[in-house]
Amino acid sequence: MKSSLQQELQTTGDFLALTRANEWSIDSTFSFEVSCKKTQAKSKVSVLDTGIIVFEPLDHVSSKDIVLSCAVHGNETAPIEICTDLVKQLILGELHLQERVLFLFGNPAAINIGKRFVEENLNRLFSGAHSLPQGDASGLINKERHRALALENAVRDFFTQGSDISSERQRYHYDLHTAIRGSKNDKFAVYPFRHGQPWKKEQLQFMLACGVNTILLSHSPTTTFSYFSSNEFGADAFTVELGKVRPFGENDMANFAGVTQTLTRFISGEDLQLKDYNSEDFSIFEIYQTINREQENFTLHFADDVENFTDFPQGYLLATDGDIEHRVKKAGEAIIFPNAAVAIGQRALLTVIPTDID
């Protein structure tokens, strides 16, 4: 017998509504089959927890395991709307499924309050950081730490089950975000640290097809979701920033046509129509300074509306952290992800410099 949750989901295809109505968990998991109206191909849909849903083709053996995550920060609505629409099309049989896909809506409780997080930044809690001894003020571990562990386990199980289907598989994880402030480069992607492995030009071409031509190369381990999948499972992974944070209903979805079309083609097995790699198509940066907030008295010395990728003259005072001054060290050095309100010990600002790849 179908549960009321399953019946509603199969009728409406609205996984976001189910997720928001069950902030931290659902009473039971469930699965069902759907048929594509165009191809008659059958797929299995499995709801594993709130915000965690898997699609698996039943009529053929796929070759790719794809993770698409959104709402790791609850107020970043454009990626939520993109993933919600893709999930709906798959449930209602409007989109052919060629590959296994795991959709993750990271922080449903934060979605409901329209904020980045409830108690703690979820995108600083992966690669085991959720279990480090840094609970909330009461000494308890907050729910976002439990959620980070649940998301890690979902990714781990998904990739492991894919390997059980066939040994030669390709793994991907695109963690979709929007930035707190505007940017001179409206869309950009952070390519996680690869521990000596080469940057993949084909993946940059994929980003270009998504409408993302600004790439930030990371040169050290982090506790972000995309680094977790890249480092632990060898997945091709990016943190993808799609414009600026806006409330639901205020996103110009035409601005995301490239990413929506490319992701649709990717999961349905269509030709991606990637351009040949040309370095002139990209603006590539690497991280130069990581500035953490270590004191209560932390100040950024530029306006709140200064955009990401704005550069400052050499010697310019970017931030003070108590008695410590952080200044621009190199010509062309630009800021990214400034946020003076982060918790003590967390990153308050990155600077980047232009670079290229071999």
Protein backbone atom coordinates (compact mmCIF):
# COMPACT_ATOMS: atom_id res chain seq x y z
CA MET A 1 0.00 0.00 0.00
CA LYS A 2 1.30 3.42 -0.95
CA SER A 3 2.11 5.85 1.83
CA SER A 4 0.51 9.28 1.66
CA LEU A 5 3.95 10.77 0.96
CA GLN A 6 4.53 8.42 -1.96
CA GLN A 7 1.07 8.96 -3.38
CA GLU A 8 1.43 12.74 -3.27
CA LEU A 9 4.91 12.63 -4.77
CA GLN A 10 3.87 10.39 -7.65
CA THR A 11 0.92 12.67 -8.35
CA THR A 12 2.65 16.05 -8.17
CA GLY A 13 6.34 15.26 -8.69
CA ASP A 14 7.03 18.01 -6.12
CA PHE A 15 9.93 16.63 -4.11
CA LEU A 16 10.75 20.06 -2.71
CA ALA A 17 7.35 20.26 -1.01
CA LEU A 18 7.87 16.85 0.58
CA THR A 19 11.36 17.88 1.69
CA ARG A 20 10.25 21.19 3.22
CA ALA A 21 7.40 19.50 5.10
CA ASN A 22 9.88 17.10 6.70
CA GLU A 23 12.84 19.25 7.71
CA TRP A 24 15.18 16.72 9.27
CA SER A 25 13.80 13.26 8.46
CA ILE A 26 10.92 11.24 7.06
CA ASP A 27 9.13 8.39 8.83
CA SER A 28 10.05 5.74 6.28
CA THR A 29 11.80 5.28 2.96
CA PHE A 30 9.92 4.21 -0.16
CA SER A 31 10.45 3.49 -3.84
CA PHE A 32 8.41 3.13 -7.00
CA GLU A 33 8.81 2.71 -10.74
CA VAL A 34 8.11 5.26 -13.46
CA SER A 35 8.05 5.05 -17.26
CA CYS A 36 9.23 7.78 -19.58
CA LYS A 37 6.33 8.97 -21.69
CA LYS A 38 8.59 9.47 -24.71
CA THR A 39 10.78 6.35 -24.66
CA GLN A 40 8.79 4.00 -22.40
CA ALA A 41 12.06 3.33 -20.56
CA LYS A 42 11.50 2.36 -16.95
CA SER A 43 13.36 3.68 -13.94
CA LYS A 44 13.31 3.17 -10.21
CA VAL A 45 12.78 6.12 -7.87
CA SER A 46 13.96 5.75 -4.26
CA VAL A 47 13.30 8.32 -1.54
CA LEU A 48 15.93 7.54 1.08
CA ASP A 49 15.41 10.45 3.46
CA THR A 50 14.15 13.99 3.38
CA GLY A 51 15.88 15.77 0.50
CA ILE A 52 17.57 12.57 -0.70
CA ILE A 53 16.20 10.90 -3.84
CA VAL A 54 17.81 8.44 -6.30
CA PHE A 55 16.85 7.66 -9.90
CA GLU A 56 18.11 4.43 -11.51
CA PRO A 57 17.40 3.16 -15.05
CA LEU A 58 15.95 -0.37 -15.14
CA ASP A 59 16.07 -1.17 -18.87
CA HIS A 60 19.81 -0.81 -19.41
CA VAL A 61 23.15 -0.71 -17.56
CA SER A 62 24.30 2.88 -17.12
CA SER A 63 27.93 4.02 -17.09
CA LYS A 64 27.75 7.15 -14.96
CA ASP A 65 26.89 7.92 -11.33
CA ILE A 66 25.87 11.58 -11.05
CA VAL A 67 25.31 13.53 -7.83
CA LEU A 68 23.50 16.88 -8.12
CA SER A 69 23.25 18.74 -4.83
CA CYS A 70 21.63 22.03 -3.93
CA ALA A 71 20.47 23.85 -0.77
CA VAL A 72 23.62 23.09 1.18
CA HIS A 73 22.87 26.74 1.96
CA GLY A 74 19.14 27.16 2.37
CA ASN A 75 18.74 30.62 0.87
CA GLU A 76 20.42 29.80 -2.45
CA THR A 77 17.22 29.33 -4.37
CA ALA A 78 18.15 29.18 -8.08
CA PRO A 79 19.86 25.77 -7.79
CA ILE A 80 16.93 24.51 -5.69
CA GLU A 81 14.53 25.51 -8.45
CA ILE A 82 16.72 23.88 -11.12
CA CYS A 83 16.94 20.56 -9.24
CA THR A 84 13.26 20.65 -8.27
CA ASP A 85 12.27 20.92 -11.92
CA LEU A 86 14.59 18.10 -13.03
CA VAL A 87 13.26 15.81 -10.28
CA LYS A 88 9.68 16.64 -11.21
CA GLN A 89 10.27 15.84 -14.89
CA LEU A 90 11.82 12.49 -13.99
CA ILE A 91 9.02 11.49 -11.58
CA LEU A 92 6.29 12.46 -14.03
CA GLY A 93 7.98 10.60 -16.89
CA GLU A 94 8.70 13.73 -18.91
CA LEU A 95 12.47 13.18 -19.10
CA HIS A 96 14.36 10.07 -20.19
CA LEU A 97 16.80 8.72 -17.60
CA GLN A 98 20.03 7.30 -19.02
CA GLU A 99 22.32 7.45 -15.98
CA ARG A 100 22.00 6.89 -12.24
CA VAL A 101 21.38 10.21 -10.49
CA LEU A 102 21.33 11.16 -6.82
CA PHE A 103 19.65 14.49 -6.01
CA LEU A 104 20.41 16.05 -2.64
CA PHE A 105 18.57 19.00 -1.09
CA GLY A 106 21.12 19.67 1.60
CA ASN A 107 19.54 21.73 4.36
CA PRO A 108 15.71 21.69 4.30
CA ALA A 109 15.37 23.49 7.64
CA ALA A 110 17.47 26.37 6.32
CA ILE A 111 15.32 26.50 3.17
CA ASN A 112 12.26 26.98 5.36
CA ILE A 113 13.73 29.97 7.21
CA GLY A 114 15.35 31.44 4.10
CA LYS A 115 18.86 31.50 5.57
CA ARG A 116 22.23 29.99 4.76
CA PHE A 117 22.05 27.68 7.75
CA VAL A 118 20.25 27.14 11.05
CA GLU A 119 23.14 26.79 13.51
CA GLU A 120 26.29 26.02 11.52
CA ASN A 121 27.53 26.34 7.94
CA LEU A 122 26.87 22.92 6.42
CA ASN A 123 29.52 23.40 3.73
CA ARG A 124 32.23 23.44 6.41
CA LEU A 125 31.20 20.08 7.88
CA PHE A 126 32.21 17.46 5.31
CA SER A 127 35.16 15.06 5.17
CA GLY A 128 34.45 14.19 8.77
CA ALA A 129 34.45 17.77 10.10
CA HIS A 130 30.96 17.11 11.48
CA SER A 131 32.53 14.83 14.09
CA LEU A 132 35.27 17.17 15.31
CA PRO A 133 34.79 18.48 18.88
CA GLN A 134 33.21 21.80 17.95
CA GLY A 135 29.56 21.47 18.93
CA ASP A 136 27.29 24.36 19.78
CA ALA A 137 27.53 26.50 22.91
CA SER A 138 25.59 23.98 25.01
CA GLY A 139 28.13 21.28 24.19
CA LEU A 140 25.61 19.39 22.06
CA ILE A 141 26.11 18.37 18.45
CA ASN A 142 23.67 20.34 16.31
CA LYS A 143 21.37 18.85 13.70
CA GLU A 144 23.39 20.25 10.81
CA ARG A 145 26.28 18.02 11.86
CA HIS A 146 23.99 15.00 11.75
CA ARG A 147 22.77 16.15 8.34
CA ALA A 148 26.34 16.42 7.01
CA LEU A 149 26.97 12.82 8.06
CA ALA A 150 23.70 11.70 6.42
CA LEU A 151 24.67 13.43 3.16
CA GLU A 152 28.14 11.87 3.22
CA ASN A 153 26.59 8.44 3.75
CA ALA A 154 24.13 8.99 0.91
CA VAL A 155 26.97 9.82 -1.49
CA ARG A 156 29.08 6.91 -0.24
CA ASP A 157 26.24 4.41 -0.62
CA PHE A 158 25.32 5.77 -4.06
CA PHE A 159 28.83 5.46 -5.46
CA THR A 160 29.39 2.05 -3.83
CA GLN A 161 26.15 0.67 -5.26
CA GLY A 162 27.15 1.96 -8.68
CA SER A 163 30.39 -0.02 -8.46
CA ASP A 164 28.35 -3.12 -7.70
CA ILE A 165 26.53 -2.67 -11.03
CA SER A 166 29.71 -2.43 -13.10
CA SER A 167 33.34 -1.81 -12.25
CA GLU A 168 34.12 0.72 -15.00
CA ARG A 169 32.01 3.71 -14.00
CA GLN A 170 32.44 7.47 -14.08
CA ARG A 171 31.54 9.48 -11.00
CA TYR A 172 30.44 13.11 -10.88
CA HIS A 173 29.28 15.57 -8.25
CA TYR A 174 28.13 19.09 -9.07
CA ASP A 175 27.27 21.02 -5.91
CA LEU A 176 25.12 23.97 -7.02
CA HIS A 177 25.19 27.25 -5.10
CA THR A 178 24.68 30.99 -5.45
CA ALA A 179 26.97 33.59 -3.93
CA ILE A 180 26.09 35.99 -1.09
CA ARG A 181 27.09 39.04 -3.14
CA GLY A 182 27.26 39.92 -6.78
CA SER A 183 30.24 39.09 -8.93
CA LYS A 184 32.12 40.60 -11.84
CA ASN A 185 32.01 37.03 -13.15
CA ASP A 186 28.33 36.18 -12.70
CA LYS A 187 28.83 32.39 -12.69
CA PHE A 188 31.96 30.61 -11.54
CA ALA A 189 33.05 27.21 -10.30
CA VAL A 190 35.52 26.08 -7.66
CA TYR A 191 37.55 23.07 -8.81
CA PRO A 192 38.50 21.13 -5.65
CA PHE A 193 42.12 20.29 -4.82
CA ARG A 194 43.16 17.19 -6.77
CA HIS A 195 46.26 16.11 -4.83
CA GLY A 196 48.59 16.18 -7.83
CA GLN A 197 46.11 14.81 -10.36
CA PRO A 198 45.74 16.95 -13.49
CA TRP A 199 42.90 19.39 -13.98
CA LYS A 200 40.58 17.90 -16.59
CA LYS A 201 39.98 20.10 -19.62
CA GLU A 202 36.88 18.06 -20.53
CA GLN A 203 35.36 19.06 -17.20
CA LEU A 204 36.12 22.71 -17.93
CA GLN A 205 34.38 22.26 -21.28
CA PHE A 206 31.38 20.85 -19.39
CA MET A 207 31.36 23.93 -17.17
CA LEU A 208 31.52 26.13 -20.26
CA ALA A 209 28.47 24.35 -21.67
CA CYS A 210 26.73 25.18 -18.38
CA GLY A 211 27.48 28.86 -18.98
CA VAL A 212 30.35 28.92 -16.49
CA ASN A 213 33.65 30.20 -17.88
CA THR A 214 35.33 31.39 -14.67
CA ILE A 215 37.16 28.62 -12.82
CA LEU A 216 38.82 28.86 -9.42
CA LEU A 217 41.50 26.22 -8.80
CA SER A 218 41.82 25.11 -5.18
CA HIS A 219 45.28 24.07 -3.99
CA SER A 220 44.51 22.63 -0.56
CA PRO A 221 42.05 20.25 1.14
CA THR A 222 38.80 21.77 2.40
CA THR A 223 35.68 20.63 4.23
CA THR A 224 33.33 21.44 1.33
CA PHE A 225 30.91 18.92 -0.14
CA SER A 226 32.50 18.85 -3.60
CA TYR A 227 35.98 18.21 -2.16
CA PHE A 228 34.56 15.30 -0.15
CA SER A 229 33.31 13.54 -3.29
CA SER A 230 36.42 14.37 -5.28
CA ASN A 231 38.89 13.28 -2.63
CA GLU A 232 37.18 10.19 -1.23
CA PHE A 233 35.61 8.74 -4.37
CA GLY A 234 37.60 10.16 -7.27
CA ALA A 235 34.53 11.95 -8.61
CA ASP A 236 34.80 14.80 -11.06
CA ALA A 237 33.40 17.51 -8.82
CA PHE A 238 32.83 21.26 -8.64
CA THR A 239 31.23 23.80 -6.38
CA VAL A 240 29.23 25.77 -8.95
CA GLU A 241 28.19 29.35 -8.13
CA LEU A 242 25.21 30.47 -10.21
CA GLY A 243 24.82 34.19 -9.70
CA LYS A 244 23.62 35.92 -6.54
CA VAL A 245 21.34 34.84 -3.70
CA ARG A 246 17.71 35.79 -4.35
CA PRO A 247 14.36 34.80 -2.78
CA PHE A 248 12.18 32.13 -4.37
CA GLY A 249 10.35 33.51 -7.39
CA GLU A 250 12.86 36.29 -8.04
CA ASN A 251 15.37 34.30 -10.10
CA ASP A 252 15.50 34.93 -13.83
CA MET A 253 15.63 31.28 -14.84
CA ALA A 254 16.54 32.26 -18.42
CA ASN A 255 19.91 33.19 -16.91
CA PHE A 256 20.44 29.50 -16.10
CA ALA A 257 19.39 28.05 -19.44
CA GLY A 258 22.90 26.75 -20.12
CA VAL A 259 23.22 24.79 -16.89
CA THR A 260 19.65 23.48 -17.05
CA GLN A 261 20.03 22.32 -20.65
CA THR A 262 23.43 20.73 -20.07
CA LEU A 263 22.37 18.87 -16.92
CA THR A 264 19.23 17.67 -18.71
CA ARG A 265 21.31 16.32 -21.59
CA PHE A 266 23.79 14.77 -19.18
CA ILE A 267 21.33 12.69 -17.19
CA SER A 268 19.30 11.73 -20.26
CA GLY A 269 22.32 10.60 -22.29
CA GLU A 270 22.07 13.18 -25.07
CA ASP A 271 25.04 14.68 -26.89
CA LEU A 272 26.47 17.43 -24.69
CA GLN A 273 27.72 19.38 -27.71
CA LEU A 274 30.91 20.42 -25.92
CA LYS A 275 33.22 22.88 -27.65
CA ASP A 276 36.85 22.00 -28.23
CA TYR A 277 39.01 23.28 -25.39
CA ASN A 278 40.33 26.80 -25.93
CA SER A 279 42.06 28.58 -23.07
CA GLU A 280 40.75 31.91 -24.35
CA ASP A 281 37.20 30.81 -23.45
CA PHE A 282 38.05 30.81 -19.74
CA SER A 283 39.09 33.08 -16.91
CA ILE A 284 41.06 30.83 -14.57
CA PHE A 285 42.19 31.82 -11.10
CA GLU A 286 43.96 30.15 -8.22
CA ILE A 287 43.62 30.83 -4.51
CA TYR A 288 46.41 33.06 -3.20
CA GLN A 289 45.45 34.00 0.36
CA THR A 290 43.03 32.35 2.78
CA ILE A 291 42.05 34.78 5.52
CA ASN A 292 40.31 33.30 8.56
CA ARG A 293 38.53 35.14 11.31
CA GLU A 294 40.38 34.41 14.56
CA GLN A 295 39.21 37.30 16.76
CA GLU A 296 35.87 38.83 17.75
CA ASN A 297 37.16 42.14 16.43
CA PHE A 298 37.31 41.28 12.72
CA THR A 299 36.67 43.89 10.02
CA LEU A 300 36.66 43.87 6.24
CA HIS A 301 37.87 47.18 4.82
CA PHE A 302 35.66 47.43 1.76
CA ALA A 303 31.96 47.98 1.23
CA ASP A 304 29.34 45.23 1.50
CA ASP A 305 28.37 45.70 -2.13
CA VAL A 306 31.89 45.18 -3.53
CA GLU A 307 31.60 42.30 -5.99
CA ASN A 308 33.49 39.02 -6.04
CA PHE A 309 36.62 39.16 -8.23
CA THR A 310 37.17 42.86 -7.52
CA ASP A 311 40.91 43.55 -7.37
CA PHE A 312 42.68 46.09 -5.19
CA PRO A 313 46.09 47.79 -5.46
CA GLN A 314 49.11 46.14 -3.91
CA GLY A 315 49.35 47.02 -0.22
CA TYR A 316 45.63 47.75 0.21
CA LEU A 317 44.32 46.83 3.68
CA LEU A 318 41.71 44.11 3.13
CA ALA A 319 40.94 43.10 6.69
CA THR A 320 41.97 43.48 10.29
CA ASP A 321 41.69 40.60 12.73
CA GLY A 322 42.35 42.08 16.15
CA ASP A 323 45.85 43.54 15.77
CA ILE A 324 46.65 41.55 12.62
CA GLU A 325 46.46 43.28 9.24
CA HIS A 326 45.77 41.42 5.98
CA ARG A 327 46.86 43.32 2.88
CA VAL A 328 47.00 42.78 -0.88
CA LYS A 329 50.37 41.20 -1.61
CA LYS A 330 50.38 40.94 -5.38
CA ALA A 331 49.25 42.96 -8.38
CA GLY A 332 46.00 41.62 -9.81
CA GLU A 333 44.99 39.98 -6.53
CA ALA A 334 41.18 39.94 -6.18
CA ILE A 335 38.72 39.09 -3.44
CA ILE A 336 36.17 36.29 -3.34
CA PHE A 337 33.66 35.00 -0.77
CA PRO A 338 34.08 37.85 1.75
CA ASN A 339 31.99 37.36 4.90
CA ALA A 340 33.03 39.05 8.14
CA ALA A 341 30.20 37.38 10.06
CA VAL A 342 31.58 33.84 9.92
CA ALA A 343 32.25 31.95 13.14
CA ILE A 344 35.67 32.37 14.73
CA GLY A 345 38.13 30.00 13.11
CA GLN A 346 36.33 29.94 9.76
CA ARG A 347 37.27 31.47 6.43
CA ALA A 348 36.23 35.10 6.10
CA LEU A 349 37.85 35.91 2.76
CA LEU A 350 39.79 34.39 -0.09
CA THR A 351 42.02 36.22 -2.52
CA VAL A 352 42.74 34.90 -5.99
CA ILE A 353 45.17 35.61 -8.81
CA PRO A 354 44.92 34.81 -12.53
CA THR A 355 46.54 31.59 -13.74
CA ASP A 356 46.16 28.96 -16.45
CA ILE A 357 46.39 25.18 -16.78
CA ASP A 358 48.76 23.14 -18.90
